[in-house]
Amino acid sequence: MLTIKTEADVARISHPLMRQVVEASLSRILADHPGFYEPAGHGWFMVLEDSSELDETSALHGQFSVRQIIRGQGFEWMGRYADFIELVVALNDSEAVAVYVPLALLQDADLMAVIAVAGVPA
């Protein structure tokens, strides 16, 4: 799992379109807040790389796993790309994270059903 909190971190994303989407989002934040980006206040990014990471809770402050969030539709927004999804998850009143999940990691029929219904083309 990659946690992206700086511009330099974006280069670690191996998926080209995912890297481009995160880079564009971060650029918009930096344009709106020149010279100041605070992940805790402006949001941060998380990229899942392995299916086992769907069940980890530590990256989301120990609250929920990505699998639980998808199943319970506990996301603010979901965008669907050709081979990955983007979830925006509010962690509290002032902190959010954008989570990027390759569709190849989502082999669970229940998860795919939620994505089919809730995911909007990005």
Protein backbone atom coordinates (compact mmCIF):
# COMPACT_ATOMS: atom_id res chain seq x y z
CA MET A 1 0.00 0.00 0.00
CA LEU A 2 1.31 3.38 -0.95
CA THR A 3 0.48 6.45 1.09
CA ILE A 4 0.84 9.61 -0.97
CA LYS A 5 1.29 12.77 1.08
CA THR A 6 3.87 14.69 -0.98
CA GLU A 7 4.45 15.52 -4.63
CA ALA A 8 7.53 13.29 -4.57
CA ASP A 9 5.42 10.32 -3.42
CA VAL A 10 3.37 10.40 -6.65
CA ALA A 11 6.34 9.03 -8.64
CA ARG A 12 6.06 5.77 -6.65
CA ILE A 13 2.70 4.92 -8.28
CA SER A 14 3.44 2.36 -11.00
CA HIS A 15 0.04 2.47 -12.72
CA PRO A 16 0.30 5.30 -15.32
CA LEU A 17 -3.35 6.47 -15.33
CA MET A 18 -3.64 6.21 -11.55
CA ARG A 19 -0.44 8.26 -11.19
CA GLN A 20 -1.88 10.85 -13.61
CA VAL A 21 -5.18 11.08 -11.69
CA VAL A 22 -3.43 11.51 -8.31
CA GLU A 23 -1.01 14.03 -9.79
CA ALA A 24 -3.91 16.07 -11.23
CA SER A 25 -5.76 16.02 -7.90
CA LEU A 26 -2.67 17.10 -6.00
CA SER A 27 -1.99 19.84 -8.58
CA ARG A 28 -5.54 21.18 -8.09
CA ILE A 29 -5.01 21.29 -4.32
CA LEU A 30 -1.69 23.09 -4.76
CA ALA A 31 -3.26 25.57 -7.20
CA ASP A 32 -6.02 26.33 -4.69
CA HIS A 33 -3.53 26.60 -1.80
CA PRO A 34 -0.24 27.84 -3.32
CA GLY A 35 2.83 26.83 -1.38
CA PHE A 36 0.85 25.05 1.28
CA TYR A 37 -0.39 21.46 1.22
CA GLU A 38 -1.25 19.81 4.51
CA PRO A 39 -2.48 16.22 4.03
CA ALA A 40 -4.45 16.25 7.29
CA GLY A 41 -6.34 19.33 6.18
CA HIS A 42 -6.53 18.96 2.41
CA GLY A 43 -6.75 15.18 2.17
CA TRP A 44 -4.25 12.55 1.18
CA PHE A 45 -4.06 9.58 -1.16
CA MET A 46 -3.74 5.83 -0.70
CA VAL A 47 -3.02 3.28 -3.45
CA LEU A 48 -3.69 -0.41 -2.84
CA GLU A 49 -1.24 -2.79 -4.51
CA ASP A 50 -2.22 -6.20 -3.10
CA SER A 51 -5.57 -7.84 -2.32
CA SER A 52 -4.53 -8.41 1.31
CA GLU A 53 -4.55 -4.63 1.77
CA LEU A 54 -8.34 -4.60 1.31
CA ASP A 55 -8.65 -5.85 4.89
CA GLU A 56 -6.07 -3.60 6.57
CA THR A 57 -7.45 -0.92 8.86
CA SER A 58 -4.28 0.85 9.98
CA ALA A 59 -4.09 3.18 6.99
CA LEU A 60 -7.58 4.47 7.72
CA HIS A 61 -6.85 5.30 11.37
CA GLY A 62 -7.88 1.80 12.42
CA GLN A 63 -11.53 2.57 11.77
CA PHE A 64 -12.50 0.42 8.80
CA SER A 65 -10.95 -1.62 6.04
CA VAL A 66 -11.41 -0.70 2.39
CA ARG A 67 -13.46 -3.89 1.97
CA GLN A 68 -15.82 -2.76 4.78
CA ILE A 69 -16.09 0.71 3.29
CA ILE A 70 -17.03 -0.64 -0.15
CA ARG A 71 -19.50 -3.19 1.23
CA GLY A 72 -21.18 -0.66 3.50
CA GLN A 73 -20.95 2.11 0.89
CA GLY A 74 -19.16 4.21 3.50
CA PHE A 75 -17.58 6.47 0.93
CA GLU A 76 -18.49 10.01 -0.05
CA TRP A 77 -17.87 9.42 -3.76
CA MET A 78 -16.74 6.60 -6.03
CA GLY A 79 -15.31 7.05 -9.50
CA ARG A 80 -14.73 4.15 -11.84
CA TYR A 81 -11.94 4.12 -14.38
CA ALA A 82 -11.14 1.40 -16.93
CA ASP A 83 -9.23 -0.79 -14.47
CA PHE A 84 -9.42 0.90 -11.05
CA ILE A 85 -11.78 2.75 -8.75
CA GLU A 86 -11.27 5.90 -6.72
CA LEU A 87 -13.06 6.23 -3.38
CA VAL A 88 -13.25 9.40 -1.35
CA VAL A 89 -13.58 8.47 2.33
CA ALA A 90 -14.21 10.96 5.13
CA LEU A 91 -12.23 9.90 8.20
CA ASN A 92 -13.65 12.62 10.43
CA ASP A 93 -15.05 16.15 10.13
CA SER A 94 -11.81 17.57 8.76
CA GLU A 95 -9.85 14.72 7.18
CA ALA A 96 -10.45 12.66 4.06
CA VAL A 97 -8.50 10.21 1.95
CA ALA A 98 -8.78 9.29 -1.72
CA VAL A 99 -8.29 5.53 -2.06
CA TYR A 100 -7.31 3.98 -5.40
CA VAL A 101 -8.03 0.27 -5.89
CA PRO A 102 -7.18 -1.73 -9.02
CA LEU A 103 -10.22 -3.74 -10.15
CA ALA A 104 -7.97 -6.81 -10.37
CA LEU A 105 -7.83 -6.82 -6.55
CA LEU A 106 -11.62 -6.92 -6.24
CA GLN A 107 -12.48 -10.57 -6.89
CA ASP A 108 -15.35 -10.57 -4.39
CA ALA A 109 -18.74 -10.63 -6.17
CA ASP A 110 -20.33 -8.51 -3.43
CA LEU A 111 -17.74 -5.78 -3.89
CA MET A 112 -18.12 -5.81 -7.66
CA ALA A 113 -21.91 -5.52 -7.29
CA VAL A 114 -21.53 -2.36 -5.18
CA ILE A 115 -19.11 -0.92 -7.71
CA ALA A 116 -21.46 -1.70 -10.58
CA VAL A 117 -24.29 0.19 -8.85
CA ALA A 118 -22.44 3.02 -7.08
CA GLY A 119 -19.44 3.70 -9.31
CA VAL A 120 -19.74 6.66 -11.62
CA PRO A 121 -17.47 6.88 -14.64
CA ALA A 122 -14.68 9.30 -13.80
